[in-house]
Amino acid sequence: LAEKIPIAGTAGPRSDQQVARISELLRVSDQYGLPNDNEIVASLNRKSDRLSGAAGNRYQATIQAMGDTPIPLTNTERAIDEQIARYTRPGAAQNPAVVNALQDFRDQVTSGDNNLELLRQNRTLFRELIRGEDGIMSDSGKRANDAVYNAITADMQNGVEANLGAPAAAALRQVDGIWAREAEQLKSTKLKNIFSKGDIKPEEATKMLFSNDRTEAQTLFNALDTTGRQNARAAIINRAIE
């Protein structure tokens, strides 16, 4: 009734308020822009490449500083021997492929001195050996891999600390931590497709923003660079405006 009163009624002010509300929504929309799903995917790749590149450069600097200095394999040999004993003890059901991989690796890695570069290379190759020709890692293989991988990493860090000091060893641990976080992110199937194949549909990345799984959304946010996060915010704002 109040809106129907001529001149002094509320129709005019209410209309002005509605125009102001619409104008403000449009201003906010313009401020954040329209989201680009492809940019979100590209952001994931950029950040991953930048982190891996920076970590790789730091590793190479440490490798050059270490040169041909041999690194004792104290932890590595002990871990391999423990795993072999575990899977060959009397009464234990054996996985011959895992036992053979452990023994072959031990024979090869102890046949000569390992500097930091070679030990790092051997750490990577061990995972390939334990995985086998079919590329599928068994549960027993995973346990053996984790134990030996961690032992090799400990020997690498001990070798660096003994020759270059504690700060250099701490830097190496930080690099390994970066790669560990990257590997943890790959446990998400969608992110794994982005990083390893690049064949995820761009709109699927945006859907992760509105996932009911808060962990999935948080993982996506952590994996984006600044530009990707801007597009993610734009997607959220535009969804709210709609």
Protein backbone atom coordinates (compact mmCIF):
# COMPACT_ATOMS: atom_id res chain seq x y z
CA LEU A 1 0.00 0.00 0.00
CA ALA A 2 2.80 2.39 0.87
CA GLU A 3 4.29 1.94 -2.60
CA LYS A 4 1.02 3.07 -4.19
CA ILE A 5 0.97 6.46 -2.45
CA PRO A 6 1.85 9.12 -5.09
CA ILE A 7 5.04 11.16 -4.64
CA ALA A 8 5.45 10.52 -0.89
CA GLY A 9 5.12 6.74 -1.25
CA THR A 10 7.96 4.21 -0.94
CA ALA A 11 7.93 3.02 -4.56
CA GLY A 12 10.61 5.47 -5.67
CA PRO A 13 13.10 4.81 -2.83
CA ARG A 14 12.57 1.03 -3.09
CA SER A 15 13.22 1.19 -6.82
CA ASP A 16 16.38 3.21 -6.21
CA GLN A 17 17.52 0.67 -3.64
CA GLN A 18 17.01 -2.19 -6.08
CA VAL A 19 19.00 -0.38 -8.76
CA ALA A 20 21.76 0.22 -6.21
CA ARG A 21 21.82 -3.46 -5.24
CA ILE A 22 22.08 -4.57 -8.86
CA SER A 23 24.77 -1.97 -9.50
CA GLU A 24 26.79 -3.19 -6.52
CA LEU A 25 26.56 -6.81 -7.68
CA LEU A 26 27.77 -5.83 -11.11
CA ARG A 27 30.63 -3.84 -9.56
CA VAL A 28 31.74 -6.84 -7.50
CA SER A 29 31.48 -9.07 -10.56
CA ASP A 30 33.60 -6.65 -12.58
CA GLN A 31 36.14 -6.42 -9.74
CA TYR A 32 36.80 -10.16 -9.73
CA GLY A 33 36.18 -10.76 -13.43
CA LEU A 34 34.97 -13.94 -15.07
CA PRO A 35 36.75 -17.18 -14.17
CA ASN A 36 38.85 -19.01 -16.73
CA ASP A 37 38.76 -22.75 -16.09
CA ASN A 38 41.73 -23.33 -18.38
CA GLU A 39 43.78 -20.84 -16.35
CA ILE A 40 43.13 -22.82 -13.17
CA VAL A 41 44.56 -25.95 -14.79
CA ALA A 42 47.49 -23.99 -16.23
CA SER A 43 48.14 -22.55 -12.77
CA LEU A 44 48.47 -26.03 -11.29
CA ASN A 45 51.10 -26.93 -13.87
CA ARG A 46 52.99 -23.65 -13.44
CA LYS A 47 53.27 -23.93 -9.68
CA SER A 48 54.31 -27.58 -9.85
CA ASP A 49 56.98 -26.82 -12.45
CA ARG A 50 58.29 -23.83 -10.50
CA LEU A 51 58.55 -25.73 -7.22
CA SER A 52 60.21 -28.71 -8.89
CA GLY A 53 62.59 -26.45 -10.78
CA ALA A 54 63.66 -24.51 -7.69
CA ALA A 55 64.10 -27.72 -5.72
CA GLY A 56 66.09 -29.28 -8.56
CA ASN A 57 68.41 -26.27 -8.78
CA ARG A 58 69.14 -26.43 -5.05
CA TYR A 59 69.85 -30.15 -5.32
CA GLN A 60 72.25 -29.60 -8.21
CA ALA A 61 74.12 -26.93 -6.25
CA THR A 62 74.59 -29.35 -3.36
CA ILE A 63 75.66 -32.14 -5.73
CA GLN A 64 78.32 -29.90 -7.26
CA ALA A 65 79.57 -28.85 -3.84
CA MET A 66 79.86 -32.49 -2.75
CA GLY A 67 81.66 -33.54 -5.95
CA ASP A 68 82.99 -37.12 -5.84
CA THR A 69 83.02 -37.35 -2.05
CA PRO A 70 81.92 -40.91 -1.19
CA ILE A 71 78.94 -41.28 1.13
CA PRO A 72 78.82 -44.18 3.64
CA LEU A 73 75.80 -46.43 3.11
CA THR A 74 75.37 -47.33 6.77
CA ASN A 75 71.61 -46.85 6.95
CA THR A 76 71.00 -48.17 3.44
CA GLU A 77 72.75 -51.49 3.97
CA ARG A 78 71.12 -52.00 7.37
CA ALA A 79 67.64 -51.28 5.98
CA ILE A 80 68.11 -53.67 3.05
CA ASP A 81 69.40 -56.44 5.32
CA GLU A 82 66.47 -55.94 7.69
CA GLN A 83 63.96 -56.15 4.85
CA ILE A 84 65.59 -59.28 3.38
CA ALA A 85 65.57 -60.93 6.81
CA ARG A 86 61.96 -59.99 7.29
CA TYR A 87 60.83 -61.68 4.09
CA THR A 88 63.08 -64.75 4.27
CA ARG A 89 62.75 -65.76 7.92
CA PRO A 90 61.57 -69.34 8.55
CA GLY A 91 57.83 -69.72 8.18
CA ALA A 92 57.35 -66.45 6.34
CA ALA A 93 55.44 -66.44 3.05
CA GLN A 94 57.80 -64.85 0.54
CA ASN A 95 57.42 -62.49 -2.35
CA PRO A 96 60.39 -63.62 -4.50
CA ALA A 97 60.24 -60.51 -6.68
CA VAL A 98 60.71 -58.21 -3.68
CA VAL A 99 63.48 -60.33 -2.13
CA ASN A 100 65.36 -60.55 -5.45
CA ALA A 101 65.02 -56.80 -6.02
CA LEU A 102 66.42 -56.08 -2.56
CA GLN A 103 69.35 -58.44 -3.00
CA ASP A 104 70.17 -57.23 -6.54
CA PHE A 105 70.05 -53.62 -5.43
CA ARG A 106 72.31 -54.31 -2.46
CA ASP A 107 74.87 -56.04 -4.66
CA GLN A 108 74.87 -53.21 -7.17
CA VAL A 109 74.88 -50.25 -4.82
CA THR A 110 77.72 -51.64 -2.68
CA SER A 111 79.93 -52.57 -5.65
CA GLY A 112 81.53 -49.12 -5.66
CA ASP A 113 81.58 -45.72 -3.98
CA ASN A 114 78.43 -43.60 -4.15
CA ASN A 115 78.75 -39.84 -4.29
CA LEU A 116 75.63 -37.70 -3.71
CA GLU A 117 74.61 -37.64 -7.37
CA LEU A 118 74.92 -41.41 -7.80
CA LEU A 119 73.17 -42.16 -4.52
CA ARG A 120 70.28 -39.94 -5.49
CA GLN A 121 70.09 -41.72 -8.85
CA ASN A 122 70.16 -45.11 -7.11
CA ARG A 123 67.37 -44.00 -4.78
CA THR A 124 65.16 -43.36 -7.80
CA LEU A 125 66.15 -46.60 -9.51
CA PHE A 126 65.37 -48.63 -6.41
CA ARG A 127 61.73 -47.60 -6.63
CA GLU A 128 61.67 -48.81 -10.25
CA LEU A 129 63.27 -52.12 -9.31
CA ILE A 130 60.88 -52.79 -6.46
CA ARG A 131 57.90 -51.86 -8.62
CA GLY A 132 58.77 -54.53 -11.18
CA GLU A 133 58.03 -54.90 -14.87
CA ASP A 134 54.27 -54.60 -14.50
CA GLY A 135 54.66 -51.19 -12.84
CA ILE A 136 52.42 -52.17 -9.92
CA MET A 137 53.91 -52.04 -6.42
CA SER A 138 52.72 -54.74 -4.03
CA ASP A 139 52.04 -54.03 -0.36
CA SER A 140 55.24 -55.82 0.66
CA GLY A 141 57.11 -53.93 -2.05
CA LYS A 142 55.79 -50.62 -0.76
CA ARG A 143 56.94 -51.40 2.79
CA ALA A 144 60.39 -52.36 1.53
CA ASN A 145 60.53 -49.30 -0.72
CA ASP A 146 59.63 -46.90 2.08
CA ALA A 147 62.18 -48.40 4.47
CA VAL A 148 65.08 -48.41 2.00
CA TYR A 149 64.14 -45.06 0.43
CA ASN A 150 64.15 -43.37 3.85
CA ALA A 151 67.47 -45.04 4.72
CA ILE A 152 69.09 -43.81 1.51
CA THR A 153 67.76 -40.31 2.20
CA ALA A 154 69.23 -40.44 5.72
CA ASP A 155 72.64 -41.46 4.34
CA MET A 156 72.51 -38.62 1.80
CA GLN A 157 71.70 -36.06 4.47
CA ASN A 158 74.34 -37.43 6.84
CA GLY A 159 76.93 -37.30 4.08
CA VAL A 160 76.08 -33.70 3.24
CA GLU A 161 76.13 -32.65 6.90
CA ALA A 162 79.51 -34.33 7.47
CA ASN A 163 81.09 -32.53 4.51
CA LEU A 164 79.16 -29.27 4.04
CA GLY A 165 77.70 -28.66 7.48
CA ALA A 166 74.27 -28.71 9.12
CA PRO A 167 72.77 -25.79 7.09
CA ALA A 168 73.45 -27.62 3.80
CA ALA A 169 71.85 -30.79 5.17
CA ALA A 170 68.82 -28.80 6.35
CA ALA A 171 68.46 -27.31 2.86
CA LEU A 172 68.54 -30.81 1.38
CA ARG A 173 65.84 -31.95 3.79
CA GLN A 174 63.72 -28.98 2.76
CA VAL A 175 64.02 -29.95 -0.91
CA ASP A 176 63.04 -33.53 -0.16
CA GLY A 177 60.09 -32.15 1.80
CA ILE A 178 58.94 -30.14 -1.21
CA TRP A 179 58.95 -33.25 -3.38
CA ALA A 180 57.20 -35.23 -0.64
CA ARG A 181 54.38 -32.67 -0.57
CA GLU A 182 54.12 -32.81 -4.35
CA ALA A 183 53.86 -36.59 -4.15
CA GLU A 184 51.16 -36.28 -1.48
CA GLN A 185 49.13 -34.04 -3.78
CA LEU A 186 49.32 -36.66 -6.50
CA LYS A 187 47.27 -38.99 -4.31
CA SER A 188 44.29 -36.95 -5.50
CA THR A 189 43.23 -38.62 -8.74
CA LYS A 190 42.16 -35.34 -10.35
CA LEU A 191 45.40 -33.57 -9.49
CA LYS A 192 47.39 -36.61 -10.61
CA ASN A 193 45.75 -36.38 -14.02
CA ILE A 194 46.65 -32.71 -14.22
CA PHE A 195 50.29 -33.13 -13.26
CA SER A 196 51.10 -36.40 -15.03
CA LYS A 197 48.92 -36.24 -18.14
CA GLY A 198 47.38 -32.81 -18.41
CA ASP A 199 44.21 -34.44 -19.73
CA ILE A 200 41.75 -33.36 -17.04
CA LYS A 201 38.80 -31.33 -18.31
CA PRO A 202 39.21 -27.71 -17.15
CA GLU A 203 35.71 -27.56 -15.69
CA GLU A 204 36.57 -30.46 -13.38
CA ALA A 205 39.17 -28.30 -11.65
CA THR A 206 36.54 -25.65 -11.00
CA LYS A 207 34.17 -28.28 -9.61
CA MET A 208 36.81 -29.11 -7.00
CA LEU A 209 36.29 -25.62 -5.57
CA PHE A 210 32.71 -26.52 -4.68
CA SER A 211 33.40 -30.07 -3.55
CA ASN A 212 31.73 -31.29 -0.37
CA ASP A 213 35.15 -32.66 0.58
CA ARG A 214 36.91 -29.72 2.23
CA THR A 215 40.25 -31.52 1.97
CA GLU A 216 39.93 -31.70 -1.80
CA ALA A 217 39.21 -27.97 -2.06
CA GLN A 218 42.11 -27.17 0.29
CA THR A 219 44.46 -29.36 -1.75
CA LEU A 220 43.45 -27.53 -4.91
CA PHE A 221 43.96 -24.13 -3.24
CA ASN A 222 47.45 -25.09 -2.05
CA ALA A 223 48.38 -26.28 -5.53
CA LEU A 224 47.42 -23.02 -7.27
CA ASP A 225 49.67 -20.04 -7.90
CA THR A 226 48.51 -16.41 -7.56
CA THR A 227 46.81 -16.23 -10.95
CA GLY A 228 45.08 -19.55 -10.40
CA ARG A 229 43.77 -18.40 -7.02
CA GLN A 230 42.43 -15.20 -8.58
CA ASN A 231 40.48 -17.30 -11.06
CA ALA A 232 39.28 -19.57 -8.26
CA ARG A 233 37.98 -16.55 -6.33
CA ALA A 234 36.29 -15.27 -9.48
CA ALA A 235 34.56 -18.62 -9.89
CA ILE A 236 33.28 -18.52 -6.30
CA ILE A 237 32.11 -14.89 -6.52
CA ASN A 238 30.31 -15.47 -9.81
CA ARG A 239 28.62 -18.58 -8.41
CA ALA A 240 27.37 -16.47 -5.48
CA ILE A 241 26.17 -13.70 -7.81
CA GLU A 242 24.27 -16.18 -9.95
